[in-house]
Protein backbone atom coordinates (compact mmCIF):
# COMPACT_ATOMS: atom_id res chain seq x y z
CA MET A 1 71.71 1.06 49.36
CA SER A 2 71.39 3.31 46.30
CA VAL A 3 71.24 0.29 44.02
CA ARG A 4 68.43 -1.27 46.05
CA LEU A 5 66.43 2.01 46.01
CA THR A 6 66.89 2.36 42.28
CA THR A 7 65.66 -1.19 41.73
CA LEU A 8 62.67 -0.61 44.01
CA PHE A 9 61.65 2.58 42.17
CA ALA A 10 61.95 0.78 38.84
CA LEU A 11 59.63 -1.98 40.04
CA LEU A 12 57.08 0.55 41.33
CA LEU A 13 57.05 2.59 38.12
CA ALA A 14 56.79 -0.39 35.77
CA PRO A 15 52.97 -0.87 36.13
CA LEU A 16 52.39 2.84 35.63
CA LEU A 17 54.44 2.92 32.49
CA ALA A 18 52.70 -0.20 31.18
CA SER A 19 49.24 1.26 31.76
CA ALA A 20 50.22 4.44 29.96
CA THR A 21 51.19 2.53 26.83
CA PRO A 22 48.37 2.99 24.21
CA VAL A 23 46.58 -0.21 23.13
CA PRO A 24 45.78 -0.39 19.40
CA THR A 25 42.01 -0.12 18.76
CA ALA A 26 40.46 -2.55 16.29
CA VAL A 27 38.99 -0.70 13.32
CA PRO A 28 35.52 -2.08 12.36
CA ALA A 29 35.19 -3.33 8.83
CA PRO A 30 33.11 -1.00 6.63
CA VAL A 31 29.47 -1.97 6.26
CA ALA A 32 28.31 -2.48 2.70
CA PRO A 33 25.30 -0.32 1.71
CA VAL A 34 21.93 -2.06 1.71
CA VAL A 35 20.42 -2.06 -1.77
CA ALA A 36 16.64 -1.71 -1.65
CA ALA A 37 14.74 -4.10 -3.89
CA PRO A 38 13.29 -2.36 -6.95
CA PRO A 39 9.51 -1.95 -7.01
CA PRO A 40 7.56 -4.37 -9.20
CA PRO A 41 7.11 -3.18 -12.79
CA SER A 42 3.98 -1.16 -13.48
CA PRO A 43 1.79 -3.05 -15.98
CA ARG A 44 0.20 -0.98 -18.72
CA VAL A 45 -3.00 -1.84 -20.53
CA LEU A 46 -4.60 -0.44 -23.68
CA LEU A 47 -8.40 -0.27 -23.83
CA VAL A 48 -9.63 0.18 -27.40
CA THR A 49 -13.18 1.50 -27.12
CA SER A 50 -15.78 2.60 -29.65
CA MET A 51 -15.04 6.20 -28.60
CA GLY A 52 -11.25 6.06 -28.59
CA GLU A 53 -8.25 4.55 -26.87
CA ILE A 54 -7.40 4.66 -23.18
CA VAL A 55 -4.00 3.63 -21.79
CA ILE A 56 -3.87 2.82 -18.09
CA GLU A 57 -0.97 2.11 -15.76
CA LEU A 58 -1.58 -0.31 -12.89
CA ASP A 59 0.04 0.02 -9.46
CA ALA A 60 1.17 -3.50 -8.63
CA ALA A 61 3.09 -2.30 -5.57
CA ALA A 62 0.10 -0.65 -3.88
CA ALA A 63 -2.62 -3.11 -4.92
CA PRO A 64 -1.01 -6.40 -5.99
CA ALA A 65 -4.09 -8.62 -5.63
CA THR A 66 -6.43 -6.19 -7.40
CA VAL A 67 -3.96 -5.62 -10.23
CA GLU A 68 -3.47 -9.36 -10.79
CA ASN A 69 -7.25 -9.84 -10.71
CA PHE A 70 -7.72 -7.19 -13.42
CA LEU A 71 -4.88 -8.62 -15.53
CA ALA A 72 -6.33 -12.13 -15.27
CA TYR A 73 -9.66 -10.90 -16.70
CA ALA A 74 -7.78 -8.99 -19.40
CA ARG A 75 -5.70 -12.03 -20.40
CA ASP A 76 -8.83 -14.16 -20.60
CA GLY A 77 -10.48 -11.71 -23.00
CA HIS A 78 -13.27 -11.05 -20.51
CA TYR A 79 -13.42 -7.32 -21.17
CA ASN A 80 -13.61 -7.63 -24.96
CA GLY A 81 -17.14 -6.76 -26.03
CA THR A 82 -18.25 -5.32 -22.68
CA THR A 83 -19.66 -1.82 -22.28
CA PHE A 84 -19.41 1.13 -19.95
CA HIS A 85 -22.84 0.63 -18.45
CA ARG A 86 -22.71 3.52 -15.99
CA ALA A 87 -21.71 7.07 -16.89
CA ILE A 88 -22.33 9.76 -14.29
CA PRO A 89 -21.04 13.24 -15.20
CA GLY A 90 -19.01 14.81 -12.46
CA LEU A 91 -18.48 11.45 -10.75
CA LEU A 92 -17.40 8.28 -12.60
CA VAL A 93 -17.52 5.97 -15.61
CA GLN A 94 -17.98 2.27 -14.83
CA GLY A 95 -17.69 -0.89 -16.89
CA GLY A 96 -16.23 -4.35 -17.17
CA ALA A 97 -19.15 -6.73 -16.74
CA PHE A 98 -22.07 -6.20 -19.17
CA THR A 99 -22.57 -6.80 -22.86
CA PRO A 100 -24.23 -4.11 -25.03
CA ASP A 101 -27.64 -5.70 -24.34
CA LEU A 102 -26.81 -5.57 -20.61
CA GLN A 103 -26.30 -9.27 -20.09
CA GLN A 104 -23.81 -9.80 -17.27
CA LYS A 105 -20.79 -11.95 -18.08
CA PRO A 106 -19.66 -14.63 -15.60
CA SER A 107 -17.02 -13.60 -13.08
CA ARG A 108 -14.58 -15.36 -10.79
CA ALA A 109 -14.41 -15.29 -7.00
CA PRO A 110 -14.11 -11.79 -5.54
CA VAL A 111 -10.79 -10.31 -4.48
CA ALA A 112 -10.10 -8.88 -1.03
CA SER A 113 -10.23 -5.10 -0.72
CA GLU A 114 -6.95 -3.17 -0.74
CA ALA A 115 -8.59 0.21 -0.20
CA GLY A 116 -6.25 1.08 2.67
CA ASN A 117 -3.22 1.21 0.38
CA GLY A 118 -2.75 4.98 0.57
CA LEU A 119 -3.97 5.72 -2.96
CA SER A 120 -6.81 8.21 -3.23
CA ASN A 121 -9.73 8.28 -5.66
CA ARG A 122 -8.40 11.28 -7.53
CA ARG A 123 -9.42 12.39 -11.01
CA GLY A 124 -8.05 9.99 -13.62
CA THR A 125 -7.53 7.07 -11.27
CA LEU A 126 -8.88 3.57 -11.80
CA ALA A 127 -10.69 1.80 -8.95
CA ALA A 128 -12.31 -1.57 -8.34
CA ALA A 129 -16.10 -1.51 -8.19
CA ARG A 130 -17.80 -3.63 -5.50
CA ASP A 131 -21.12 -4.18 -3.80
CA ARG A 132 -21.74 -1.15 -1.64
CA GLY A 133 -22.56 -3.22 1.42
CA VAL A 134 -19.84 -5.89 1.06
CA VAL A 135 -16.18 -4.93 1.40
CA ASP A 136 -14.50 -7.94 -0.23
CA SER A 137 -16.77 -8.23 -3.26
CA ALA A 138 -14.81 -6.75 -6.18
CA THR A 139 -14.68 -8.96 -9.28
CA ALA A 140 -14.39 -7.73 -12.89
CA GLN A 141 -15.99 -4.29 -12.72
CA PHE A 142 -13.93 -1.12 -12.47
CA PHE A 143 -14.52 2.60 -12.69
CA PHE A 144 -12.67 5.74 -13.70
CA ASN A 145 -12.87 8.71 -11.35
CA VAL A 146 -13.89 11.66 -13.51
CA VAL A 147 -13.26 14.09 -10.63
CA ASP A 148 -11.55 13.89 -7.25
CA ASN A 149 -13.77 11.59 -5.16
CA PRO A 150 -12.36 11.58 -1.62
CA LYS A 151 -15.69 10.19 -0.37
CA PHE A 152 -14.69 6.91 -2.04
CA ASP A 153 -11.52 6.66 0.06
CA GLN A 154 -11.28 4.48 3.12
CA THR A 155 -12.07 6.26 6.39
CA ASP A 156 -13.06 3.33 8.61
CA PRO A 157 -12.32 -0.26 7.50
CA SER A 158 -14.75 -1.72 10.02
CA SER A 159 -17.81 -0.73 7.96
CA ALA A 160 -18.51 -1.55 4.33
CA TYR A 161 -19.90 1.95 3.87
CA THR A 162 -16.67 3.65 4.94
CA ALA A 163 -14.13 0.98 3.93
CA GLY A 164 -13.52 2.70 0.60
CA TYR A 165 -12.88 1.54 -2.95
CA THR A 166 -9.49 0.18 -4.01
CA VAL A 167 -7.53 2.45 -6.34
CA PHE A 168 -5.18 0.32 -8.43
CA GLY A 169 -4.18 2.41 -11.42
CA ARG A 170 -4.38 5.65 -13.35
CA VAL A 171 -5.01 6.88 -16.87
CA LEU A 172 -1.82 7.63 -18.77
CA GLN A 173 -3.48 8.57 -22.06
CA GLY A 174 -7.06 9.08 -23.13
CA LEU A 175 -8.59 10.83 -20.13
CA GLU A 176 -10.44 12.99 -22.65
CA VAL A 177 -12.11 9.80 -23.90
CA VAL A 178 -13.30 9.06 -20.36
CA ASP A 179 -14.64 12.61 -20.12
CA ARG A 180 -16.57 12.22 -23.37
CA ILE A 181 -18.14 8.98 -22.15
CA ALA A 182 -19.15 10.67 -18.88
CA ALA A 183 -20.89 13.44 -20.86
CA LEU A 184 -23.05 11.12 -23.00
CA PRO A 185 -26.86 11.16 -22.74
CA THR A 186 -28.04 8.37 -20.45
CA GLN A 187 -31.25 6.58 -19.58
CA ALA A 188 -32.77 3.83 -17.48
CA GLN A 189 -32.25 0.50 -19.17
CA GLY A 190 -32.28 -3.17 -18.26
CA PRO A 191 -31.57 -3.73 -14.56
CA PHE A 192 -30.36 -0.15 -14.08
CA PRO A 193 -32.64 2.71 -13.01
CA ALA A 194 -30.43 5.39 -14.61
CA TRP A 195 -27.06 6.42 -16.04
CA VAL A 196 -26.83 3.87 -18.89
CA PRO A 197 -25.47 5.56 -22.05
CA VAL A 198 -28.17 5.68 -24.73
CA VAL A 199 -25.61 4.62 -27.34
CA PRO A 200 -23.48 1.80 -25.91
CA VAL A 201 -19.76 2.46 -25.53
CA VAL A 202 -18.05 -0.85 -26.19
CA ILE A 203 -14.60 -2.02 -25.11
CA GLU A 204 -13.66 -3.59 -28.43
CA ARG A 205 -10.43 -5.15 -27.20
CA VAL A 206 -7.91 -5.02 -24.38
CA GLN A 207 -4.19 -5.27 -25.05
CA LEU A 208 -1.46 -5.79 -22.45
CA LEU A 209 1.45 -3.46 -23.17
CA ASP A 210 5.05 -3.68 -22.06
CA PRO A 211 5.32 -2.54 -18.44
CA ALA A 212 6.83 0.79 -17.62
CA PRO A 213 10.59 0.43 -16.98
CA ALA A 214 11.33 -0.13 -13.31
CA SER A 215 13.45 2.42 -11.49
CA ALA A 216 17.03 1.46 -10.70
CA PRO A 217 17.57 0.04 -7.21
CA VAL A 218 18.22 2.70 -4.62
CA ALA A 219 21.09 2.10 -2.22
CA ALA A 220 20.09 2.86 1.33
CA PRO A 221 22.76 4.68 3.34
CA ALA A 222 24.92 2.28 5.32
CA GLN A 223 24.67 2.52 9.06
CA GLU A 224 27.85 3.67 10.75
CA PRO A 225 29.35 0.78 12.73
CA ALA A 226 29.07 1.02 16.49
CA ARG A 227 32.23 2.24 18.12
CA PRO A 228 33.82 0.06 20.81
């Protein structure tokens, strides 16, 4: 009898003992960190003008189409021999299209606006000029913001009058040259009712410089694997 009871108890306890035995948990393989792609290099351009040199840095990440449009005109030599035909103190200096006798040079098809790219028309920035009433009308003309011009920023993309002007670069060197141009005496001349410098300021040549070195790729933190 005692042997049968002992056997019976052993059979009853066996499932309990088996369930109490710990089961090894699979350890997830570590997840490799995700390496973010480096931003595109920032092109730099030298403008040699009759009043001094200006070096600009273009933001190809924020305004890729506008930057490539500007570089295409620069590579073609379009800007060589053009003037700053509009100089408004306390506002802007504009150029890129007219010869010293105010003949407009041919331009290519306009580029779509990128004014909603988060860049503001701050002092020293470079923006694409366009027809005031047509959003996607920027071609070769550009302007330097002499002061902070938040009124040129996009507030409502549905209207050409509030869609803003695309900022696509900034002055690295020579902002004092821009300031001197903005302070020149101006007059009405040719097709313009005002703000044309009395003595033309000519862009003698444009030179593409080596781009600014790109930052090293940044490794994004790896996500912790989900636990079973």
